[in-house]
Amino acid sequence: MSNSSRFEAIIFDFDGVLADSTHIKTTAFRSVYKQYGDSVVDAVVAYHAAHEGISRVVKIKHCHKEYLGIDLDDQALAEVVSTYQDIVETKVIECDWIEGARELLDSVYQKIPLFVASGTPQDELRRIVDARGMSHYFTETRGSPDKKDVIVRDVAIRFGFNPTNALFLGDAMTDYHAAMACNCPFIGVVAHDRENPFPENSQTVENLLFIAELL
């Protein structure tokens, strides 16, 4: 990638950008809420889809209150979150890469610093990244509870780059909003079978196979 110096850093979301795991998270929400009936499941899945990239803790607390009338206390919330985690972690470790992701990481990780900013809880995310053999690619891997714009500003300060010169690659509006809040250039990753959630003038790709040509 001869022109990689155009950017000082690249920030990646994880699910749907590096790992083909978005469907795993959706299936997990269906599983957690199936005991409450189809109408609740449909509402939960719709909320999840509209708020991809936000912490599961926030989503579960909201969905219980909004669709079940249950205000979860900390212990009950932790139990539901643990059930969800048990469903997803191993499957995300074992799922396929997004096409071109491994090749992109191989081509750039020794040239500029790379970061992950994800809505997955940080400890779990780091276990997944390590188990998938990806840790060496990233200067830092960050997850929730910190929001993505907070993560971007923090790593920019600590690792000495300007966010306006850092590319953000994401597949959800959460990623887009974080990039805009930090004035980061943004490219949306939109799989061929998914609806494009981004504003009309946004630059998008179906996968990371040819992303180097856009950098």
N, C-alpha and C. Protein backbone atom coordinates (compact mmCIF):
# COMPACT_ATOMS: atom_id res chain seq x y z
N MET A 1 0.84 -1.18 0.00
CA MET A 1 0.00 0.00 0.00
C MET A 1 0.88 1.23 0.00
N SER A 2 1.25 1.70 -1.12
CA SER A 2 2.26 2.73 -1.23
C SER A 2 1.79 4.07 -0.71
N ASN A 3 0.48 4.31 -0.69
CA ASN A 3 -0.01 5.62 -0.26
C ASN A 3 -0.62 5.59 1.13
N SER A 4 -0.23 4.60 1.97
CA SER A 4 -0.83 4.47 3.29
C SER A 4 -0.51 5.65 4.18
N SER A 5 0.53 6.44 3.86
CA SER A 5 0.89 7.59 4.68
C SER A 5 -0.15 8.70 4.61
N ARG A 6 -1.15 8.56 3.74
CA ARG A 6 -2.23 9.55 3.70
C ARG A 6 -2.94 9.63 5.05
N PHE A 7 -3.01 8.51 5.77
CA PHE A 7 -3.64 8.46 7.08
C PHE A 7 -2.60 8.20 8.16
N GLU A 8 -2.82 8.81 9.31
CA GLU A 8 -1.93 8.59 10.45
C GLU A 8 -2.33 7.35 11.25
N ALA A 9 -3.58 6.91 11.11
CA ALA A 9 -4.09 5.75 11.84
C ALA A 9 -5.36 5.28 11.17
N ILE A 10 -5.74 4.02 11.44
CA ILE A 10 -7.04 3.50 11.01
C ILE A 10 -7.74 2.92 12.23
N ILE A 11 -9.02 3.27 12.36
CA ILE A 11 -9.85 2.78 13.46
C ILE A 11 -10.92 1.87 12.87
N PHE A 12 -11.01 0.66 13.37
CA PHE A 12 -11.96 -0.33 12.87
C PHE A 12 -13.03 -0.63 13.92
N ASP A 13 -14.29 -0.65 13.49
CA ASP A 13 -15.27 -1.39 14.26
C ASP A 13 -14.92 -2.87 14.08
N PHE A 14 -15.53 -3.75 14.85
CA PHE A 14 -15.16 -5.17 14.77
C PHE A 14 -16.20 -6.00 14.05
N ASP A 15 -17.39 -6.15 14.64
CA ASP A 15 -18.44 -6.97 14.03
C ASP A 15 -18.90 -6.35 12.71
N GLY A 16 -18.86 -7.14 11.66
CA GLY A 16 -19.31 -6.65 10.36
C GLY A 16 -18.28 -5.88 9.58
N VAL A 17 -17.14 -5.62 10.20
CA VAL A 17 -16.05 -4.90 9.53
C VAL A 17 -14.82 -5.78 9.43
N LEU A 18 -14.46 -6.44 10.50
CA LEU A 18 -13.34 -7.38 10.50
C LEU A 18 -13.83 -8.83 10.58
N ALA A 19 -14.81 -9.08 11.42
CA ALA A 19 -15.37 -10.42 11.57
C ALA A 19 -16.80 -10.46 11.05
N ASP A 20 -17.15 -11.52 10.36
CA ASP A 20 -18.49 -11.68 9.79
C ASP A 20 -19.43 -12.20 10.88
N SER A 21 -19.67 -11.36 11.87
CA SER A 21 -20.34 -11.79 13.10
C SER A 21 -21.63 -11.05 13.40
N THR A 22 -22.05 -10.16 12.54
CA THR A 22 -23.25 -9.37 12.82
C THR A 22 -24.47 -10.27 13.02
N HIS A 23 -24.61 -11.29 12.19
CA HIS A 23 -25.76 -12.19 12.29
C HIS A 23 -25.76 -12.96 13.60
N ILE A 24 -24.57 -13.21 14.16
CA ILE A 24 -24.46 -13.94 15.43
C ILE A 24 -25.10 -13.13 16.54
N LYS A 25 -24.85 -11.83 16.55
CA LYS A 25 -25.42 -10.96 17.58
C LYS A 25 -26.94 -10.90 17.46
N THR A 26 -27.44 -10.82 16.23
CA THR A 26 -28.89 -10.79 16.03
C THR A 26 -29.54 -12.08 16.51
N THR A 27 -28.92 -13.21 16.17
CA THR A 27 -29.44 -14.51 16.62
C THR A 27 -29.45 -14.61 18.13
N ALA A 28 -28.42 -14.06 18.77
CA ALA A 28 -28.34 -14.10 20.23
C ALA A 28 -29.48 -13.31 20.87
N PHE A 29 -29.80 -12.13 20.32
CA PHE A 29 -30.93 -11.38 20.86
C PHE A 29 -32.23 -12.15 20.69
N ARG A 30 -32.40 -12.81 19.55
CA ARG A 30 -33.59 -13.63 19.35
C ARG A 30 -33.67 -14.73 20.41
N SER A 31 -32.55 -15.35 20.69
CA SER A 31 -32.52 -16.45 21.66
C SER A 31 -32.84 -15.97 23.07
N VAL A 32 -32.26 -14.83 23.45
CA VAL A 32 -32.48 -14.30 24.80
C VAL A 32 -33.94 -13.96 25.04
N TYR A 33 -34.62 -13.43 24.00
CA TYR A 33 -35.98 -12.93 24.18
C TYR A 33 -37.08 -13.86 23.65
N LYS A 34 -36.72 -15.03 23.14
CA LYS A 34 -37.73 -15.88 22.51
C LYS A 34 -38.80 -16.34 23.49
N GLN A 35 -38.47 -16.42 24.77
CA GLN A 35 -39.43 -16.86 25.77
C GLN A 35 -40.59 -15.87 25.94
N TYR A 36 -40.41 -14.64 25.44
CA TYR A 36 -41.43 -13.61 25.61
C TYR A 36 -42.35 -13.47 24.39
N GLY A 37 -42.13 -14.28 23.37
CA GLY A 37 -43.03 -14.28 22.23
C GLY A 37 -42.49 -13.52 21.03
N ASP A 38 -43.12 -13.80 19.89
CA ASP A 38 -42.63 -13.27 18.62
C ASP A 38 -42.67 -11.75 18.54
N SER A 39 -43.71 -11.14 19.08
CA SER A 39 -43.82 -9.68 18.96
C SER A 39 -42.69 -8.98 19.72
N VAL A 40 -42.34 -9.51 20.87
CA VAL A 40 -41.22 -8.94 21.63
C VAL A 40 -39.92 -9.18 20.89
N VAL A 41 -39.72 -10.39 20.39
CA VAL A 41 -38.50 -10.70 19.64
C VAL A 41 -38.35 -9.76 18.45
N ASP A 42 -39.41 -9.55 17.72
CA ASP A 42 -39.36 -8.68 16.55
C ASP A 42 -38.99 -7.25 16.95
N ALA A 43 -39.57 -6.77 18.05
CA ALA A 43 -39.28 -5.41 18.51
C ALA A 43 -37.83 -5.29 18.97
N VAL A 44 -37.34 -6.30 19.67
CA VAL A 44 -35.96 -6.29 20.15
C VAL A 44 -34.98 -6.32 18.99
N VAL A 45 -35.23 -7.18 18.02
CA VAL A 45 -34.33 -7.29 16.87
C VAL A 45 -34.32 -5.99 16.07
N ALA A 46 -35.48 -5.38 15.92
CA ALA A 46 -35.55 -4.09 15.21
C ALA A 46 -34.76 -3.02 15.96
N TYR A 47 -34.88 -3.00 17.27
CA TYR A 47 -34.12 -2.02 18.07
C TYR A 47 -32.62 -2.28 17.96
N HIS A 48 -32.25 -3.54 18.06
CA HIS A 48 -30.83 -3.92 17.92
C HIS A 48 -30.29 -3.49 16.57
N ALA A 49 -31.04 -3.75 15.51
CA ALA A 49 -30.58 -3.40 14.17
C ALA A 49 -30.43 -1.89 14.00
N ALA A 50 -31.31 -1.13 14.63
CA ALA A 50 -31.27 0.32 14.51
C ALA A 50 -30.18 0.95 15.38
N HIS A 51 -29.63 0.15 16.30
CA HIS A 51 -28.63 0.69 17.24
C HIS A 51 -27.38 -0.19 17.28
N GLU A 52 -27.01 -0.72 16.13
CA GLU A 52 -25.79 -1.53 16.07
C GLU A 52 -24.59 -0.70 16.51
N GLY A 53 -23.70 -1.35 17.24
CA GLY A 53 -22.51 -0.66 17.71
C GLY A 53 -22.63 -0.11 19.11
N ILE A 54 -23.86 -0.14 19.67
CA ILE A 54 -24.08 0.29 21.04
C ILE A 54 -23.95 -0.91 21.96
N SER A 55 -23.49 -0.68 23.17
CA SER A 55 -23.28 -1.75 24.14
C SER A 55 -24.53 -2.60 24.33
N ARG A 56 -24.33 -3.91 24.40
CA ARG A 56 -25.43 -4.84 24.66
C ARG A 56 -26.08 -4.56 26.01
N VAL A 57 -25.32 -4.07 26.97
CA VAL A 57 -25.87 -3.74 28.29
C VAL A 57 -26.95 -2.68 28.15
N VAL A 58 -26.64 -1.65 27.38
CA VAL A 58 -27.61 -0.57 27.15
C VAL A 58 -28.84 -1.12 26.41
N LYS A 59 -28.61 -1.95 25.41
CA LYS A 59 -29.72 -2.49 24.62
C LYS A 59 -30.63 -3.38 25.48
N ILE A 60 -30.03 -4.26 26.25
CA ILE A 60 -30.83 -5.19 27.05
C ILE A 60 -31.63 -4.45 28.12
N LYS A 61 -31.01 -3.50 28.78
CA LYS A 61 -31.72 -2.72 29.79
C LYS A 61 -32.90 -1.97 29.15
N HIS A 62 -32.66 -1.37 27.98
CA HIS A 62 -33.72 -0.65 27.27
C HIS A 62 -34.84 -1.61 26.86
N CYS A 63 -34.48 -2.73 26.26
CA CYS A 63 -35.49 -3.65 25.72
C CYS A 63 -36.36 -4.25 26.82
N HIS A 64 -35.75 -4.59 27.94
CA HIS A 64 -36.55 -5.11 29.05
C HIS A 64 -37.55 -4.07 29.54
N LYS A 65 -37.09 -2.85 29.67
CA LYS A 65 -37.97 -1.80 30.18
C LYS A 65 -39.04 -1.42 29.16
N GLU A 66 -38.62 -1.26 27.90
CA GLU A 66 -39.53 -0.76 26.87
C GLU A 66 -40.54 -1.81 26.42
N TYR A 67 -40.12 -3.08 26.27
CA TYR A 67 -40.98 -4.09 25.68
C TYR A 67 -41.54 -5.08 26.68
N LEU A 68 -40.96 -5.13 27.88
CA LEU A 68 -41.46 -6.06 28.91
C LEU A 68 -41.93 -5.35 30.17
N GLY A 69 -41.64 -4.05 30.27
CA GLY A 69 -42.01 -3.31 31.48
C GLY A 69 -41.20 -3.71 32.69
N ILE A 70 -40.00 -4.23 32.45
CA ILE A 70 -39.12 -4.69 33.54
C ILE A 70 -37.93 -3.77 33.64
N ASP A 71 -37.75 -3.16 34.81
CA ASP A 71 -36.59 -2.29 35.05
C ASP A 71 -35.54 -3.13 35.76
N LEU A 72 -34.60 -3.67 35.00
CA LEU A 72 -33.62 -4.60 35.55
C LEU A 72 -32.69 -3.92 36.55
N ASP A 73 -32.52 -4.55 37.72
CA ASP A 73 -31.48 -4.06 38.62
C ASP A 73 -30.14 -4.61 38.16
N ASP A 74 -29.07 -4.20 38.81
CA ASP A 74 -27.73 -4.54 38.33
C ASP A 74 -27.50 -6.04 38.27
N GLN A 75 -27.96 -6.78 39.27
CA GLN A 75 -27.74 -8.22 39.29
C GLN A 75 -28.53 -8.92 38.18
N ALA A 76 -29.79 -8.54 38.03
CA ALA A 76 -30.60 -9.16 36.98
C ALA A 76 -30.08 -8.82 35.60
N LEU A 77 -29.63 -7.58 35.43
CA LEU A 77 -29.05 -7.17 34.15
C LEU A 77 -27.81 -7.99 33.84
N ALA A 78 -26.97 -8.17 34.84
CA ALA A 78 -25.74 -8.94 34.65
C ALA A 78 -26.04 -10.38 34.25
N GLU A 79 -27.11 -10.93 34.78
CA GLU A 79 -27.48 -12.31 34.45
C GLU A 79 -27.93 -12.43 32.99
N VAL A 80 -28.72 -11.48 32.52
CA VAL A 80 -29.16 -11.52 31.13
C VAL A 80 -27.98 -11.29 30.20
N VAL A 81 -27.13 -10.34 30.54
CA VAL A 81 -25.94 -10.06 29.73
C VAL A 81 -25.05 -11.29 29.66
N SER A 82 -24.91 -12.00 30.78
CA SER A 82 -24.09 -13.22 30.80
C SER A 82 -24.67 -14.30 29.90
N THR A 83 -25.99 -14.42 29.88
CA THR A 83 -26.64 -15.38 28.98
C THR A 83 -26.33 -15.05 27.53
N TYR A 84 -26.44 -13.78 27.20
CA TYR A 84 -26.12 -13.32 25.84
C TYR A 84 -24.66 -13.62 25.50
N GLN A 85 -23.76 -13.30 26.41
CA GLN A 85 -22.33 -13.52 26.16
C GLN A 85 -22.03 -15.00 25.93
N ASP A 86 -22.67 -15.85 26.70
CA ASP A 86 -22.44 -17.29 26.54
C ASP A 86 -22.82 -17.76 25.14
N ILE A 87 -23.81 -17.12 24.55
CA ILE A 87 -24.26 -17.50 23.21
C ILE A 87 -23.26 -17.04 22.15
N VAL A 88 -22.72 -15.82 22.31
CA VAL A 88 -22.00 -15.21 21.20
C VAL A 88 -20.49 -15.43 21.20
N GLU A 89 -19.85 -15.51 22.35
CA GLU A 89 -18.38 -15.39 22.36
C GLU A 89 -17.69 -16.45 21.51
N THR A 90 -17.99 -17.71 21.75
CA THR A 90 -17.32 -18.77 21.00
C THR A 90 -17.64 -18.68 19.51
N LYS A 91 -18.88 -18.33 19.19
CA LYS A 91 -19.26 -18.24 17.78
C LYS A 91 -18.52 -17.12 17.07
N VAL A 92 -18.31 -15.99 17.75
CA VAL A 92 -17.57 -14.88 17.13
C VAL A 92 -16.10 -15.26 16.95
N ILE A 93 -15.55 -15.98 17.90
CA ILE A 93 -14.17 -16.45 17.76
C ILE A 93 -14.02 -17.32 16.51
N GLU A 94 -15.03 -18.13 16.23
CA GLU A 94 -14.93 -19.12 15.17
C GLU A 94 -15.46 -18.64 13.82
N CYS A 95 -16.09 -17.49 13.76
CA CYS A 95 -16.74 -17.07 12.52
C CYS A 95 -15.71 -16.63 11.47
N ASP A 96 -16.18 -16.48 10.24
CA ASP A 96 -15.32 -16.07 9.14
C ASP A 96 -14.88 -14.61 9.28
N TRP A 97 -13.78 -14.30 8.60
CA TRP A 97 -13.37 -12.92 8.44
C TRP A 97 -14.27 -12.25 7.40
N ILE A 98 -14.43 -10.94 7.50
CA ILE A 98 -14.98 -10.18 6.38
C ILE A 98 -13.97 -10.28 5.24
N GLU A 99 -14.47 -10.47 4.04
CA GLU A 99 -13.59 -10.67 2.90
C GLU A 99 -12.61 -9.50 2.75
N GLY A 100 -11.34 -9.82 2.67
CA GLY A 100 -10.31 -8.82 2.49
C GLY A 100 -9.76 -8.23 3.77
N ALA A 101 -10.39 -8.53 4.92
CA ALA A 101 -9.96 -7.91 6.18
C ALA A 101 -8.57 -8.35 6.58
N ARG A 102 -8.31 -9.64 6.55
CA ARG A 102 -6.99 -10.13 6.95
C ARG A 102 -5.90 -9.57 6.03
N GLU A 103 -6.19 -9.52 4.73
CA GLU A 103 -5.21 -9.00 3.78
C GLU A 103 -4.92 -7.52 4.02
N LEU A 104 -5.97 -6.76 4.34
CA LEU A 104 -5.77 -5.34 4.63
C LEU A 104 -4.92 -5.16 5.88
N LEU A 105 -5.24 -5.89 6.93
CA LEU A 105 -4.45 -5.77 8.16
C LEU A 105 -3.00 -6.16 7.92
N ASP A 106 -2.79 -7.24 7.18
CA ASP A 106 -1.41 -7.66 6.87
C ASP A 106 -0.65 -6.57 6.14
N SER A 107 -1.35 -5.83 5.28
CA SER A 107 -0.67 -4.86 4.43
C SER A 107 -0.35 -3.55 5.14
N VAL A 108 -1.05 -3.24 6.24
CA VAL A 108 -0.89 -1.91 6.85
C VAL A 108 -0.39 -1.89 8.28
N TYR A 109 -0.46 -3.01 9.00
CA TYR A 109 -0.25 -2.92 10.45
C TYR A 109 1.17 -2.54 10.85
N GLN A 110 2.13 -2.75 9.97
CA GLN A 110 3.51 -2.35 10.28
C GLN A 110 3.84 -0.96 9.75
N LYS A 111 2.85 -0.30 9.16
CA LYS A 111 3.08 1.02 8.57
C LYS A 111 2.45 2.14 9.39
N ILE A 112 1.24 1.93 9.85
CA ILE A 112 0.55 2.94 10.67
C ILE A 112 -0.18 2.23 11.80
N PRO A 113 -0.45 2.92 12.91
CA PRO A 113 -1.14 2.27 14.03
C PRO A 113 -2.60 1.98 13.69
N LEU A 114 -3.06 0.83 14.12
CA LEU A 114 -4.44 0.38 13.90
C LEU A 114 -5.12 0.18 15.25
N PHE A 115 -6.39 0.52 15.31
CA PHE A 115 -7.16 0.43 16.55
C PHE A 115 -8.50 -0.22 16.28
N VAL A 116 -9.05 -0.89 17.30
CA VAL A 116 -10.42 -1.36 17.26
C VAL A 116 -11.23 -0.54 18.25
N ALA A 117 -12.40 -0.05 17.80
CA ALA A 117 -13.35 0.65 18.66
C ALA A 117 -14.70 -0.04 18.48
N SER A 118 -15.10 -0.81 19.46
CA SER A 118 -16.27 -1.68 19.33
C SER A 118 -17.24 -1.46 20.48
N GLY A 119 -18.50 -1.84 20.27
CA GLY A 119 -19.49 -1.82 21.33
C GLY A 119 -19.46 -3.06 22.20
N THR A 120 -18.69 -4.07 21.82
CA THR A 120 -18.55 -5.28 22.63
C THR A 120 -17.80 -4.95 23.92
N PRO A 121 -18.18 -5.53 25.05
CA PRO A 121 -17.44 -5.28 26.30
C PRO A 121 -15.95 -5.54 26.11
N GLN A 122 -15.14 -4.66 26.66
CA GLN A 122 -13.72 -4.66 26.33
C GLN A 122 -13.02 -5.97 26.67
N ASP A 123 -13.26 -6.53 27.84
CA ASP A 123 -12.59 -7.77 28.21
C ASP A 123 -12.94 -8.90 27.25
N GLU A 124 -14.22 -9.02 26.92
CA GLU A 124 -14.65 -10.05 25.97
C GLU A 124 -14.04 -9.82 24.60
N LEU A 125 -14.05 -8.56 24.15
CA LEU A 125 -13.49 -8.23 22.85
C LEU A 125 -12.03 -8.63 22.76
N ARG A 126 -11.27 -8.33 23.80
CA ARG A 126 -9.84 -8.66 23.78
C ARG A 126 -9.62 -10.16 23.80
N ARG A 127 -10.48 -10.91 24.50
CA ARG A 127 -10.38 -12.37 24.44
C ARG A 127 -10.63 -12.87 23.03
N ILE A 128 -11.65 -12.31 22.38
CA ILE A 128 -11.98 -12.73 21.02
C ILE A 128 -10.85 -12.41 20.05
N VAL A 129 -10.35 -11.19 20.11
CA VAL A 129 -9.27 -10.77 19.22
C VAL A 129 -8.04 -11.64 19.43
N ASP A 130 -7.73 -11.95 20.68
CA ASP A 130 -6.58 -12.80 20.98
C ASP A 130 -6.81 -14.22 20.46
N ALA A 131 -7.99 -14.77 20.70
CA ALA A 131 -8.29 -16.15 20.29
C ALA A 131 -8.29 -16.29 18.77
N ARG A 132 -8.63 -15.22 18.06
CA ARG A 132 -8.62 -15.24 16.60
C ARG A 132 -7.23 -14.97 16.03
N GLY A 133 -6.24 -14.74 16.88
CA GLY A 133 -4.88 -14.48 16.42
C GLY A 133 -4.71 -13.13 15.77
N MET A 134 -5.45 -12.13 16.27
CA MET A 134 -5.45 -10.80 15.65
C MET A 134 -4.75 -9.74 16.49
N SER A 135 -4.37 -10.06 17.70
CA SER A 135 -3.90 -9.04 18.64
C SER A 135 -2.70 -8.26 18.12
N HIS A 136 -1.82 -8.94 17.38
CA HIS A 136 -0.59 -8.29 16.94
C HIS A 136 -0.83 -7.18 15.92
N TYR A 137 -2.02 -7.16 15.33
CA TYR A 137 -2.30 -6.13 14.34
C TYR A 137 -2.56 -4.76 14.98
N PHE A 138 -3.03 -4.74 16.22
CA PHE A 138 -3.60 -3.53 16.77
C PHE A 138 -2.73 -2.89 17.85
N THR A 139 -2.58 -1.59 17.74
CA THR A 139 -1.91 -0.84 18.79
C THR A 139 -2.74 -0.90 20.07
N GLU A 140 -4.06 -0.85 19.93
CA GLU A 140 -4.95 -0.99 21.09
C GLU A 140 -6.31 -1.47 20.63
N THR A 141 -6.91 -2.35 21.42
CA THR A 141 -8.25 -2.87 21.16
C THR A 141 -9.16 -2.38 22.26
N ARG A 142 -10.20 -1.62 21.87
CA ARG A 142 -11.06 -0.98 22.87
C ARG A 142 -12.53 -1.33 22.63
N GLY A 143 -13.23 -1.53 23.73
CA GLY A 143 -14.65 -1.81 23.67
C GLY A 143 -15.42 -1.03 24.70
N SER A 144 -16.69 -1.40 24.90
CA SER A 144 -17.52 -0.70 25.87
C SER A 144 -17.04 -1.03 27.29
N PRO A 145 -17.33 -0.17 28.28
CA PRO A 145 -18.41 0.81 28.27
C PRO A 145 -18.11 2.16 27.61
N ASP A 146 -16.85 2.43 27.26
CA ASP A 146 -16.57 3.71 26.61
C ASP A 146 -17.26 3.79 25.27
N LYS A 147 -17.81 4.96 24.95
CA LYS A 147 -18.39 5.17 23.63
C LYS A 147 -17.29 5.38 22.60
N LYS A 148 -17.63 5.18 21.34
CA LYS A 148 -16.60 5.14 20.30
C LYS A 148 -15.93 6.50 20.08
N ASP A 149 -16.67 7.58 20.18
CA ASP A 149 -16.03 8.88 20.03
C ASP A 149 -15.05 9.16 21.16
N VAL A 150 -15.39 8.69 22.36
CA VAL A 150 -14.48 8.82 23.50
C VAL A 150 -13.21 8.02 23.26
N ILE A 151 -13.37 6.81 22.72
CA ILE A 151 -12.21 5.97 22.42
C ILE A 151 -11.31 6.64 21.40
N VAL A 152 -11.91 7.17 20.33
CA VAL A 152 -11.11 7.81 19.28
C VAL A 152 -10.32 8.98 19.84
N ARG A 153 -10.97 9.83 20.61
CA ARG A 153 -10.27 11.00 21.15
C ARG A 153 -9.16 10.57 22.11
N ASP A 154 -9.44 9.55 22.89
CA ASP A 154 -8.44 9.08 23.87
C ASP A 154 -7.21 8.52 23.19
N VAL A 155 -7.39 7.62 22.22
CA VAL A 155 -6.21 7.03 21.57
C VAL A 155 -5.47 8.06 20.73
N ALA A 156 -6.20 9.03 20.17
CA ALA A 156 -5.53 10.08 19.40
C ALA A 156 -4.59 10.89 20.28
N ILE A 157 -5.04 11.22 21.48
CA ILE A 157 -4.21 11.98 22.40
C ILE A 157 -3.02 11.14 22.86
N ARG A 158 -3.29 9.90 23.25
CA ARG A 158 -2.22 9.08 23.85
C ARG A 158 -1.21 8.58 22.83
N PHE A 159 -1.65 8.40 21.58
CA PHE A 159 -0.73 7.88 20.58
C PHE A 159 -0.32 8.93 19.55
N GLY A 160 -0.74 10.16 19.76
CA GLY A 160 -0.19 11.29 19.04
C GLY A 160 -0.56 11.40 17.58
N PHE A 161 -1.85 11.22 17.26
CA PHE A 161 -2.28 11.47 15.88
C PHE A 161 -3.49 12.39 15.89
N ASN A 162 -3.72 13.02 14.76
CA ASN A 162 -4.86 13.93 14.61
C ASN A 162 -6.05 13.14 14.07
N PRO A 163 -7.20 13.13 14.76
CA PRO A 163 -8.35 12.38 14.26
C PRO A 163 -8.76 12.75 12.84
N THR A 164 -8.50 13.98 12.42
CA THR A 164 -8.86 14.37 11.05
C THR A 164 -8.03 13.63 10.01
N ASN A 165 -6.95 13.01 10.45
CA ASN A 165 -6.09 12.22 9.56
C ASN A 165 -6.17 10.72 9.87
N ALA A 166 -7.24 10.32 10.57
CA ALA A 166 -7.43 8.91 10.93
C ALA A 166 -8.70 8.38 10.27
N LEU A 167 -8.59 7.33 9.50
CA LEU A 167 -9.75 6.74 8.83
C LEU A 167 -10.53 5.87 9.79
N PHE A 168 -11.86 6.02 9.79
CA PHE A 168 -12.73 5.16 10.58
C PHE A 168 -13.50 4.27 9.62
N LEU A 169 -13.41 2.94 9.83
CA LEU A 169 -14.15 1.96 9.04
C LEU A 169 -15.22 1.33 9.92
N GLY A 170 -16.49 1.51 9.56
CA GLY A 170 -17.57 0.97 10.37
C GLY A 170 -18.74 0.53 9.53
N ASP A 171 -19.65 -0.23 10.17
CA ASP A 171 -20.81 -0.74 9.42
C ASP A 171 -22.13 -0.25 9.99
N ALA A 172 -22.10 0.67 10.96
CA ALA A 172 -23.33 1.12 11.60
C ALA A 172 -23.31 2.63 11.78
N MET A 173 -24.50 3.19 11.99
CA MET A 173 -24.58 4.63 12.19
C MET A 173 -23.86 5.06 13.46
N THR A 174 -23.75 4.17 14.43
CA THR A 174 -22.95 4.48 15.63
C THR A 174 -21.52 4.82 15.24
N ASP A 175 -20.98 4.06 14.31
CA ASP A 175 -19.63 4.32 13.83
C ASP A 175 -19.57 5.64 13.07
N TYR A 176 -20.54 5.85 12.23
CA TYR A 176 -20.59 7.09 11.45
C TYR A 176 -20.65 8.31 12.36
N HIS A 177 -21.53 8.26 13.36
CA HIS A 177 -21.67 9.40 14.26
C HIS A 177 -20.39 9.63 15.06
N ALA A 178 -19.73 8.55 15.48
CA ALA A 178 -18.47 8.71 16.21
C ALA A 178 -17.42 9.36 15.32
N ALA A 179 -17.35 8.92 14.07
CA ALA A 179 -16.39 9.50 13.14
C ALA A 179 -16.68 10.97 12.91
N MET A 180 -17.94 11.32 12.71
CA MET A 180 -18.29 12.72 12.48
C MET A 180 -18.00 13.57 13.71
N ALA A 181 -18.24 13.03 14.90
CA ALA A 181 -17.99 13.77 16.13
C ALA A 181 -16.51 14.09 16.31
N CYS A 182 -15.67 13.22 15.75
CA CYS A 182 -14.21 13.40 15.88
C CYS A 182 -13.57 13.94 14.60
N ASN A 183 -14.41 14.26 13.61
CA ASN A 183 -13.92 14.77 12.32
C ASN A 183 -13.00 13.78 11.61
N CYS A 184 -13.30 12.50 11.77
CA CYS A 184 -12.54 11.46 11.07
C CYS A 184 -13.13 11.20 9.69
N PRO A 185 -12.30 11.03 8.67
CA PRO A 185 -12.81 10.47 7.41
C PRO A 185 -13.46 9.11 7.68
N PHE A 186 -14.52 8.80 6.96
CA PHE A 186 -15.29 7.58 7.25
C PHE A 186 -15.60 6.83 5.97
N ILE A 187 -15.44 5.50 6.03
CA ILE A 187 -15.91 4.62 4.96
C ILE A 187 -16.82 3.59 5.60
N GLY A 188 -18.04 3.46 5.06
CA GLY A 188 -18.98 2.49 5.57
C GLY A 188 -18.83 1.14 4.89
N VAL A 189 -18.92 0.09 5.68
CA VAL A 189 -18.87 -1.28 5.14
C VAL A 189 -20.30 -1.82 5.12
N VAL A 190 -20.82 -2.03 3.91
CA VAL A 190 -22.22 -2.45 3.75
C VAL A 190 -22.24 -3.72 2.92
N ALA A 191 -22.50 -4.84 3.57
CA ALA A 191 -22.56 -6.13 2.86
C ALA A 191 -23.63 -6.08 1.78
N HIS A 192 -23.44 -6.87 0.74
CA HIS A 192 -24.33 -6.82 -0.43
C HIS A 192 -25.78 -7.14 -0.08
N ASP A 193 -25.99 -7.88 1.02
CA ASP A 193 -27.35 -8.28 1.38
C ASP A 193 -27.94 -7.42 2.49
N ARG A 194 -27.29 -6.30 2.79
CA ARG A 194 -27.79 -5.42 3.85
C ARG A 194 -28.17 -4.05 3.28
N GLU A 195 -29.14 -3.42 3.91
CA GLU A 195 -29.54 -2.07 3.50
C GLU A 195 -28.49 -1.07 3.95
N ASN A 196 -28.19 -0.12 3.09
CA ASN A 196 -27.20 0.91 3.42
C ASN A 196 -27.81 1.90 4.41
N PRO A 197 -27.24 2.00 5.64
CA PRO A 197 -27.81 2.90 6.64
C PRO A 197 -27.27 4.33 6.58
N PHE A 198 -26.26 4.55 5.73
CA PHE A 198 -25.51 5.79 5.79
C PHE A 198 -26.10 6.88 4.90
N PRO A 199 -25.81 8.14 5.20
CA PRO A 199 -26.27 9.24 4.35
C PRO A 199 -25.85 9.04 2.90
N GLU A 200 -26.61 9.62 2.01
CA GLU A 200 -26.46 9.36 0.57
C GLU A 200 -25.05 9.64 0.05
N ASN A 201 -24.39 10.64 0.58
CA ASN A 201 -23.07 11.01 0.06
C ASN A 201 -21.92 10.26 0.72
N SER A 202 -22.22 9.28 1.56
CA SER A 202 -21.17 8.54 2.26
C SER A 202 -20.46 7.57 1.33
N GLN A 203 -19.16 7.44 1.54
CA GLN A 203 -18.39 6.46 0.77
C GLN A 203 -18.57 5.09 1.42
N THR A 204 -18.89 4.08 0.63
CA THR A 204 -19.13 2.74 1.16
C THR A 204 -18.43 1.69 0.30
N VAL A 205 -18.20 0.53 0.93
CA VAL A 205 -17.66 -0.64 0.25
C VAL A 205 -18.44 -1.86 0.73
N GLU A 206 -18.46 -2.93 -0.07
CA GLU A 206 -19.15 -4.15 0.34
C GLU A 206 -18.32 -4.98 1.30
N ASN A 207 -17.01 -4.90 1.18
CA ASN A 207 -16.10 -5.64 2.04
C ASN A 207 -14.76 -4.91 2.00
N LEU A 208 -13.73 -5.52 2.56
CA LEU A 208 -12.43 -4.84 2.61
C LEU A 208 -11.46 -5.34 1.54
N LEU A 209 -11.99 -6.08 0.57
CA LEU A 209 -11.14 -6.71 -0.43
C LEU A 209 -10.33 -5.69 -1.23
N PHE A 210 -10.95 -4.57 -1.57
CA PHE A 210 -10.25 -3.57 -2.39
C PHE A 210 -10.09 -2.25 -1.65
N ILE A 211 -10.18 -2.29 -0.33
CA ILE A 211 -10.14 -1.05 0.43
C ILE A 211 -8.80 -0.32 0.28
N ALA A 212 -7.73 -1.09 0.08
CA ALA A 212 -6.41 -0.45 -0.07
C ALA A 212 -6.39 0.53 -1.23
N GLU A 213 -7.20 0.26 -2.25
CA GLU A 213 -7.23 1.14 -3.41
C GLU A 213 -7.90 2.48 -3.09
N LEU A 214 -8.63 2.55 -2.00
CA LEU A 214 -9.34 3.77 -1.61
C LEU A 214 -8.56 4.58 -0.59
N LEU A 215 -7.46 4.06 -0.11
CA LEU A 215 -6.72 4.72 0.96
C LEU A 215 -5.66 5.68 0.42
